[in-house]
């Protein structure tokens, strides 16, 4: 399932477009919201969500992937054994 951009929250910065390694987004003009042009190419890597400065991008994780998907907090990666 593709990422979803909240058009009311999006500021049109293009950060999600730049972060996406799969070219899921189409972005032409600064200040305009990107569109999801190739949703089937989404790898669900969460890069677009993590770089959005206003949290306008969200990911819908497909049900089979929910078993494998784990959203980590920064504090989780910094814990020492």
PDB file of N, CA and C in Angstrom:
ATOM      1  N   UNK A   1       0.846  -1.167   0.000  1.00  0.00           N
ATOM      2  CA  UNK A   1       0.000   0.000   0.000  1.00  0.00           C
ATOM      3  C   UNK A   1       0.897   1.238   0.000  1.00  0.00           C
ATOM      4  N   UNK A   2       0.501   2.224  -0.718  1.00  0.00           N
ATOM      5  CA  UNK A   2       1.360   3.400  -0.878  1.00  0.00           C
ATOM      6  C   UNK A   2       1.313   4.350   0.310  1.00  0.00           C
ATOM      7  N   UNK A   3       2.285   5.258   0.358  1.00  0.00           N
ATOM      8  CA  UNK A   3       2.232   6.308   1.363  1.00  0.00           C
ATOM      9  C   UNK A   3       1.049   7.233   1.095  1.00  0.00           C
ATOM     10  N   UNK A   4       0.604   7.890   2.132  1.00  0.00           N
ATOM     11  CA  UNK A   4      -0.504   8.821   2.017  1.00  0.00           C
ATOM     12  C   UNK A   4      -0.004  10.204   2.447  1.00  0.00           C
ATOM     13  N   UNK A   5      -0.286  11.215   1.618  1.00  0.00           N
ATOM     14  CA  UNK A   5       0.113  12.578   1.934  1.00  0.00           C
ATOM     15  C   UNK A   5      -1.129  13.366   2.328  1.00  0.00           C
ATOM     16  N   UNK A   6      -1.109  13.914   3.518  1.00  0.00           N
ATOM     17  CA  UNK A   6      -2.197  14.774   3.979  1.00  0.00           C
ATOM     18  C   UNK A   6      -2.020  16.130   3.296  1.00  0.00           C
ATOM     19  N   UNK A   7      -2.860  16.418   2.317  1.00  0.00           N
ATOM     20  CA  UNK A   7      -2.737  17.622   1.503  1.00  0.00           C
ATOM     21  C   UNK A   7      -2.897  18.901   2.320  1.00  0.00           C
ATOM     22  N   UNK A   8      -3.637  18.844   3.398  1.00  0.00           N
ATOM     23  CA  UNK A   8      -3.829  20.032   4.231  1.00  0.00           C
ATOM     24  C   UNK A   8      -2.605  20.329   5.093  1.00  0.00           C
ATOM     25  N   UNK A   9      -1.866  19.299   5.469  1.00  0.00           N
ATOM     26  CA  UNK A   9      -0.682  19.474   6.311  1.00  0.00           C
ATOM     27  C   UNK A   9       0.587  19.708   5.486  1.00  0.00           C
ATOM     28  N   UNK A  10       0.627  19.177   4.274  1.00  0.00           N
ATOM     29  CA  UNK A  10       1.837  19.232   3.441  1.00  0.00           C
ATOM     30  C   UNK A  10       2.203  20.675   3.101  1.00  0.00           C
ATOM     31  N   UNK A  11       3.497  20.994   3.240  1.00  0.00           N
ATOM     32  CA  UNK A  11       3.990  22.327   2.912  1.00  0.00           C
ATOM     33  C   UNK A  11       4.689  22.363   1.557  1.00  0.00           C
ATOM     34  N   UNK A  12       4.744  21.218   0.875  1.00  0.00           N
ATOM     35  CA  UNK A  12       5.323  21.164  -0.466  1.00  0.00           C
ATOM     36  C   UNK A  12       6.830  21.303  -0.504  1.00  0.00           C
ATOM     37  N   UNK A  13       7.525  20.828   0.514  1.00  0.00           N
ATOM     38  CA  UNK A  13       8.979  20.981   0.578  1.00  0.00           C
ATOM     39  C   UNK A  13       9.719  19.986  -0.313  1.00  0.00           C
ATOM     40  N   UNK A  14       9.097  18.849  -0.619  1.00  0.00           N
ATOM     41  CA  UNK A  14       9.716  17.848  -1.478  1.00  0.00           C
ATOM     42  C   UNK A  14      10.672  16.911  -0.781  1.00  0.00           C
ATOM     43  N   UNK A  15      10.738  16.965   0.539  1.00  0.00           N
ATOM     44  CA  UNK A  15      11.646  16.092   1.281  1.00  0.00           C
ATOM     45  C   UNK A  15      11.308  14.616   1.072  1.00  0.00           C
ATOM     46  N   UNK A  16      10.028  14.275   1.036  1.00  0.00           N
ATOM     47  CA  UNK A  16       9.629  12.876   0.827  1.00  0.00           C
ATOM     48  C   UNK A  16      10.064  12.395  -0.558  1.00  0.00           C
ATOM     49  N   UNK A  17       9.947  13.266  -1.533  1.00  0.00           N
ATOM     50  CA  UNK A  17      10.367  12.955  -2.898  1.00  0.00           C
ATOM     51  C   UNK A  17      11.868  12.683  -2.942  1.00  0.00           C
ATOM     52  N   UNK A  18      12.634  13.509  -2.271  1.00  0.00           N
ATOM     53  CA  UNK A  18      14.097  13.352  -2.262  1.00  0.00           C
ATOM     54  C   UNK A  18      14.516  12.087  -1.512  1.00  0.00           C
ATOM     55  N   UNK A  19      13.805  11.730  -0.450  1.00  0.00           N
ATOM     56  CA  UNK A  19      14.181  10.588   0.383  1.00  0.00           C
ATOM     57  C   UNK A  19      13.807   9.251  -0.232  1.00  0.00           C
ATOM     58  N   UNK A  20      12.832   9.241  -1.121  1.00  0.00           N
ATOM     59  CA  UNK A  20      12.325   7.979  -1.673  1.00  0.00           C
ATOM     60  C   UNK A  20      13.304   7.389  -2.684  1.00  0.00           C
ATOM     61  N   UNK A  21      13.787   6.195  -2.403  1.00  0.00           N
ATOM     62  CA  UNK A  21      14.706   5.496  -3.290  1.00  0.00           C
ATOM     63  C   UNK A  21      13.987   4.775  -4.432  1.00  0.00           C
ATOM     64  N   UNK A  22      12.674   4.677  -4.327  1.00  0.00           N
ATOM     65  CA  UNK A  22      11.900   3.938  -5.316  1.00  0.00           C
ATOM     66  C   UNK A  22      11.169   4.819  -6.314  1.00  0.00           C
ATOM     67  N   UNK A  23      11.338   6.116  -6.216  1.00  0.00           N
ATOM     68  CA  UNK A  23      10.649   7.064  -7.104  1.00  0.00           C
ATOM     69  C   UNK A  23       9.134   6.886  -7.091  1.00  0.00           C
ATOM     70  N   UNK A  24       8.592   6.712  -5.909  1.00  0.00           N
ATOM     71  CA  UNK A  24       7.153   6.556  -5.735  1.00  0.00           C
ATOM     72  C   UNK A  24       6.426   7.879  -5.982  1.00  0.00           C
ATOM     73  N   UNK A  25       7.085   8.986  -5.649  1.00  0.00           N
ATOM     74  CA  UNK A  25       6.458  10.306  -5.724  1.00  0.00           C
ATOM     75  C   UNK A  25       6.769  11.030  -7.027  1.00  0.00           C
ATOM     76  N   UNK A  26       5.862  11.906  -7.401  1.00  0.00           N
ATOM     77  CA  UNK A  26       6.073  12.828  -8.519  1.00  0.00           C
ATOM     78  C   UNK A  26       5.999  14.228  -7.937  1.00  0.00           C
ATOM     79  N   UNK A  27       7.049  15.013  -8.175  1.00  0.00           N
ATOM     80  CA  UNK A  27       7.142  16.353  -7.600  1.00  0.00           C
ATOM     81  C   UNK A  27       7.712  17.276  -8.659  1.00  0.00           C
ATOM     82  N   UNK A  28       6.969  18.319  -9.007  1.00  0.00           N
ATOM     83  CA  UNK A  28       7.431  19.212 -10.064  1.00  0.00           C
ATOM     84  C   UNK A  28       7.713  20.624  -9.582  1.00  0.00           C
ATOM     85  N   UNK A  29       6.831  21.195  -8.810  1.00  0.00           N
ATOM     86  CA  UNK A  29       6.982  22.588  -8.401  1.00  0.00           C
ATOM     87  C   UNK A  29       7.124  22.722  -6.898  1.00  0.00           C
ATOM     88  N   UNK A  30       8.128  23.509  -6.492  1.00  0.00           N
ATOM     89  CA  UNK A  30       8.311  23.757  -5.069  1.00  0.00           C
ATOM     90  C   UNK A  30       7.088  24.477  -4.519  1.00  0.00           C
ATOM     91  N   UNK A  31       6.634  24.046  -3.375  1.00  0.00           N
ATOM     92  CA  UNK A  31       5.448  24.632  -2.770  1.00  0.00           C
ATOM     93  C   UNK A  31       4.177  23.845  -3.041  1.00  0.00           C
ATOM     94  N   UNK A  32       4.236  22.911  -3.997  1.00  0.00           N
ATOM     95  CA  UNK A  32       3.086  22.050  -4.289  1.00  0.00           C
ATOM     96  C   UNK A  32       3.322  20.678  -3.664  1.00  0.00           C
ATOM     97  N   UNK A  33       2.246  20.040  -3.270  1.00  0.00           N
ATOM     98  CA  UNK A  33       2.356  18.712  -2.678  1.00  0.00           C
ATOM     99  C   UNK A  33       2.748  17.687  -3.735  1.00  0.00           C
ATOM    100  N   UNK A  34       3.681  16.784  -3.391  1.00  0.00           N
ATOM    101  CA  UNK A  34       3.993  15.689  -4.304  1.00  0.00           C
ATOM    102  C   UNK A  34       2.790  14.769  -4.442  1.00  0.00           C
ATOM    103  N   UNK A  35       2.742  14.021  -5.505  1.00  0.00           N
ATOM    104  CA  UNK A  35       1.700  13.019  -5.686  1.00  0.00           C
ATOM    105  C   UNK A  35       2.341  11.640  -5.694  1.00  0.00           C
ATOM    106  N   UNK A  36       1.574  10.637  -5.317  1.00  0.00           N
ATOM    107  CA  UNK A  36       2.046   9.261  -5.330  1.00  0.00           C
ATOM    108  C   UNK A  36       1.742   8.714  -6.720  1.00  0.00           C
ATOM    109  N   UNK A  37       2.774   8.628  -7.552  1.00  0.00           N
ATOM    110  CA  UNK A  37       2.592   8.217  -8.942  1.00  0.00           C
ATOM    111  C   UNK A  37       2.770   6.718  -9.156  1.00  0.00           C
ATOM    112  N   UNK A  38       3.661   6.099  -8.401  1.00  0.00           N
ATOM    113  CA  UNK A  38       3.952   4.677  -8.566  1.00  0.00           C
ATOM    114  C   UNK A  38       3.806   3.950  -7.235  1.00  0.00           C
ATOM    115  N   UNK A  39       2.592   3.792  -6.760  1.00  0.00           N
ATOM    116  CA  UNK A  39       2.391   3.186  -5.435  1.00  0.00           C
ATOM    117  C   UNK A  39       2.890   1.750  -5.340  1.00  0.00           C
ATOM    118  N   UNK A  40       2.863   1.032  -6.442  1.00  0.00           N
ATOM    119  CA  UNK A  40       3.294  -0.375  -6.420  1.00  0.00           C
ATOM    120  C   UNK A  40       4.795  -0.518  -6.207  1.00  0.00           C
ATOM    121  N   UNK A  41       5.544   0.571  -6.362  1.00  0.00           N
ATOM    122  CA  UNK A  41       6.994   0.538  -6.184  1.00  0.00           C
ATOM    123  C   UNK A  41       7.430   0.774  -4.737  1.00  0.00           C
ATOM    124  N   UNK A  42       6.504   1.105  -3.865  1.00  0.00           N
ATOM    125  CA  UNK A  42       6.843   1.422  -2.478  1.00  0.00           C
ATOM    126  C   UNK A  42       7.412   0.198  -1.756  1.00  0.00           C
ATOM    127  N   UNK A  43       8.556   0.387  -1.105  1.00  0.00           N
ATOM    128  CA  UNK A  43       9.214  -0.675  -0.336  1.00  0.00           C
ATOM    129  C   UNK A  43       8.827  -0.636   1.131  1.00  0.00           C
ATOM    130  N   UNK A  44       8.045   0.331   1.534  1.00  0.00           N
ATOM    131  CA  UNK A  44       7.625   0.506   2.926  1.00  0.00           C
ATOM    132  C   UNK A  44       8.822   0.675   3.847  1.00  0.00           C
ATOM    133  N   UNK A  45       9.801   1.455   3.375  1.00  0.00           N
ATOM    134  CA  UNK A  45      11.022   1.666   4.156  1.00  0.00           C
ATOM    135  C   UNK A  45      10.855   2.760   5.204  1.00  0.00           C
ATOM    136  N   UNK A  46       9.811   3.562   5.092  1.00  0.00           N
ATOM    137  CA  UNK A  46       9.494   4.606   6.060  1.00  0.00           C
ATOM    138  C   UNK A  46      10.370   5.855   5.930  1.00  0.00           C
ATOM    139  N   UNK A  47      11.192   5.944   4.881  1.00  0.00           N
ATOM    140  CA  UNK A  47      12.069   7.105   4.704  1.00  0.00           C
ATOM    141  C   UNK A  47      11.261   8.381   4.512  1.00  0.00           C
ATOM    142  N   UNK A  48      10.204   8.312   3.710  1.00  0.00           N
ATOM    143  CA  UNK A  48       9.389   9.498   3.432  1.00  0.00           C
ATOM    144  C   UNK A  48       8.705  10.006   4.694  1.00  0.00           C
ATOM    145  N   UNK A  49       8.292   9.099   5.536  1.00  0.00           N
ATOM    146  CA  UNK A  49       7.621   9.470   6.786  1.00  0.00           C
ATOM    147  C   UNK A  49       8.612  10.132   7.738  1.00  0.00           C
ATOM    148  N   UNK A  50       9.804   9.572   7.821  1.00  0.00           N
ATOM    149  CA  UNK A  50      10.772  10.075   8.796  1.00  0.00           C
ATOM    150  C   UNK A  50      11.352  11.437   8.431  1.00  0.00           C
ATOM    151  N   UNK A  51      11.368  11.809   7.146  1.00  0.00           N
ATOM    152  CA  UNK A  51      11.952  13.104   6.763  1.00  0.00           C
ATOM    153  C   UNK A  51      10.934  14.231   6.686  1.00  0.00           C
ATOM    154  N   UNK A  52       9.663  13.940   6.741  1.00  0.00           N
ATOM    155  CA  UNK A  52       8.641  14.980   6.615  1.00  0.00           C
ATOM    156  C   UNK A  52       8.659  15.889   7.849  1.00  0.00           C
ATOM    157  N   UNK A  53       8.946  17.179   7.649  1.00  0.00           N
ATOM    158  CA  UNK A  53       9.055  18.078   8.801  1.00  0.00           C
ATOM    159  C   UNK A  53       7.728  18.399   9.488  1.00  0.00           C
ATOM    160  N   UNK A  54       6.609  18.173   8.811  1.00  0.00           N
ATOM    161  CA  UNK A  54       5.311  18.494   9.401  1.00  0.00           C
ATOM    162  C   UNK A  54       4.445  17.249   9.611  1.00  0.00           C
ATOM    163  N   UNK A  55       5.052  16.067   9.466  1.00  0.00           N
ATOM    164  CA  UNK A  55       4.363  14.786   9.651  1.00  0.00           C
ATOM    165  C   UNK A  55       3.119  14.662   8.776  1.00  0.00           C
ATOM    166  N   UNK A  56       3.237  15.082   7.521  1.00  0.00           N
ATOM    167  CA  UNK A  56       2.113  15.014   6.587  1.00  0.00           C
ATOM    168  C   UNK A  56       2.067  13.690   5.826  1.00  0.00           C
ATOM    169  N   UNK A  57       3.125  12.892   5.928  1.00  0.00           N
ATOM    170  CA  UNK A  57       3.190  11.622   5.206  1.00  0.00           C
ATOM    171  C   UNK A  57       3.002  10.483   6.197  1.00  0.00           C
ATOM    172  N   UNK A  58       2.152   9.543   5.822  1.00  0.00           N
ATOM    173  CA  UNK A  58       1.971   8.346   6.634  1.00  0.00           C
ATOM    174  C   UNK A  58       2.044   7.131   5.724  1.00  0.00           C
ATOM    175  N   UNK A  59       2.387   6.004   6.305  1.00  0.00           N
ATOM    176  CA  UNK A  59       2.490   4.758   5.552  1.00  0.00           C
ATOM    177  C   UNK A  59       1.402   3.804   5.991  1.00  0.00           C
ATOM    178  N   UNK A  60       0.818   3.161   5.030  1.00  0.00           N
ATOM    179  CA  UNK A  60      -0.135   2.098   5.324  1.00  0.00           C
ATOM    180  C   UNK A  60       0.591   0.789   5.078  1.00  0.00           C
ATOM    181  N   UNK A  61       0.871   0.069   6.127  1.00  0.00           N
ATOM    182  CA  UNK A  61       1.610  -1.176   6.022  1.00  0.00           C
ATOM    183  C   UNK A  61       0.646  -2.309   5.652  1.00  0.00           C
ATOM    184  N   UNK A  62       0.944  -3.070   4.576  1.00  0.00           N
ATOM    185  CA  UNK A  62       0.078  -4.195   4.205  1.00  0.00           C
ATOM    186  C   UNK A  62       0.035  -5.229   5.324  1.00  0.00           C
ATOM    187  N   UNK A  63      -1.082  -5.881   5.470  1.00  0.00           N
ATOM    188  CA  UNK A  63      -1.294  -6.840   6.553  1.00  0.00           C
ATOM    189  C   UNK A  63      -0.195  -7.900   6.643  1.00  0.00           C
ATOM    190  N   UNK A  64       0.231  -8.533   5.546  1.00  0.00           N
ATOM    191  CA  UNK A  64       1.297  -9.533   5.684  1.00  0.00           C
ATOM    192  C   UNK A  64       2.617  -8.945   6.202  1.00  0.00           C
ATOM    193  N   UNK A  65       2.865  -7.681   5.929  1.00  0.00           N
ATOM    194  CA  UNK A  65       4.100  -7.071   6.388  1.00  0.00           C
ATOM    195  C   UNK A  65       4.014  -6.588   7.830  1.00  0.00           C
ATOM    196  N   UNK A  66       2.810  -6.461   8.383  1.00  0.00           N
ATOM    197  CA  UNK A  66       2.658  -5.977   9.753  1.00  0.00           C
ATOM    198  C   UNK A  66       3.349  -6.894  10.755  1.00  0.00           C
ATOM    199  N   UNK A  67       3.438  -8.157  10.422  1.00  0.00           N
ATOM    200  CA  UNK A  67       4.102  -9.103  11.307  1.00  0.00           C
ATOM    201  C   UNK A  67       5.592  -8.771  11.394  1.00  0.00           C
ATOM    202  N   UNK A  68       6.168  -8.309  10.291  1.00  0.00           N
ATOM    203  CA  UNK A  68       7.590  -8.022  10.234  1.00  0.00           C
ATOM    204  C   UNK A  68       7.937  -6.580  10.578  1.00  0.00           C
ATOM    205  N   UNK A  69       6.956  -5.686  10.503  1.00  0.00           N
ATOM    206  CA  UNK A  69       7.213  -4.260  10.681  1.00  0.00           C
ATOM    207  C   UNK A  69       7.256  -3.889  12.148  1.00  0.00           C
ATOM    208  N   UNK A  70       8.272  -3.168  12.524  1.00  0.00           N
ATOM    209  CA  UNK A  70       8.405  -2.703  13.899  1.00  0.00           C
ATOM    210  C   UNK A  70       8.887  -1.270  13.851  1.00  0.00           C
ATOM    211  N   UNK A  71       8.109  -0.360  14.359  1.00  0.00           N
ATOM    212  CA  UNK A  71       8.489   1.041  14.382  1.00  0.00           C
ATOM    213  C   UNK A  71       9.379   1.275  15.590  1.00  0.00           C
ATOM    214  N   UNK A  72      10.615   1.704  15.310  1.00  0.00           N
ATOM    215  CA  UNK A  72      11.570   1.902  16.390  1.00  0.00           C
ATOM    216  C   UNK A  72      11.685   3.368  16.738  1.00  0.00           C
ATOM    217  N   UNK A  73      11.850   3.615  17.995  1.00  0.00           N
ATOM    218  CA  UNK A  73      12.139   4.950  18.484  1.00  0.00           C
ATOM    219  C   UNK A  73      13.648   5.133  18.444  1.00  0.00           C
ATOM    220  N   UNK A  74      14.086   6.354  18.391  1.00  0.00           N
ATOM    221  CA  UNK A  74      15.520   6.612  18.390  1.00  0.00           C
ATOM    222  C   UNK A  74      16.157   6.061  19.654  1.00  0.00           C
ATOM    223  N   UNK A  75      15.449   6.124  20.760  1.00  0.00           N
ATOM    224  CA  UNK A  75      15.994   5.629  22.018  1.00  0.00           C
ATOM    225  C   UNK A  75      16.221   4.118  21.973  1.00  0.00           C
ATOM    226  N   UNK A  76      15.454   3.376  21.148  1.00  0.00           N
ATOM    227  CA  UNK A  76      15.634   1.942  21.014  1.00  0.00           C
ATOM    228  C   UNK A  76      16.991   1.613  20.395  1.00  0.00           C
ATOM    229  N   UNK A  77      17.441   2.442  19.468  1.00  0.00           N
ATOM    230  CA  UNK A  77      18.705   2.175  18.771  1.00  0.00           C
ATOM    231  C   UNK A  77      19.904   2.590  19.601  1.00  0.00           C
ATOM    232  N   UNK A  78      19.698   3.435  20.603  1.00  0.00           N
ATOM    233  CA  UNK A  78      20.796   3.936  21.402  1.00  0.00           C
ATOM    234  C   UNK A  78      21.028   3.151  22.691  1.00  0.00           C
ATOM    235  N   UNK A  79      20.167   2.188  22.967  1.00  0.00           N
ATOM    236  CA  UNK A  79      20.302   1.423  24.197  1.00  0.00           C
ATOM    237  C   UNK A  79      21.568   0.554  24.126  1.00  0.00           C
ATOM    238  N   UNK A  80      22.251   0.505  25.231  1.00  0.00           N
ATOM    239  CA  UNK A  80      23.443  -0.341  25.318  1.00  0.00           C
ATOM    240  C   UNK A  80      23.126  -1.563  26.169  1.00  0.00           C
ATOM    241  N   UNK A  81      23.707  -2.694  25.802  1.00  0.00           N
ATOM    242  CA  UNK A  81      23.402  -3.930  26.554  1.00  0.00           C
ATOM    243  C   UNK A  81      23.978  -3.929  27.943  1.00  0.00           C
TER     244      UNK A  81
END
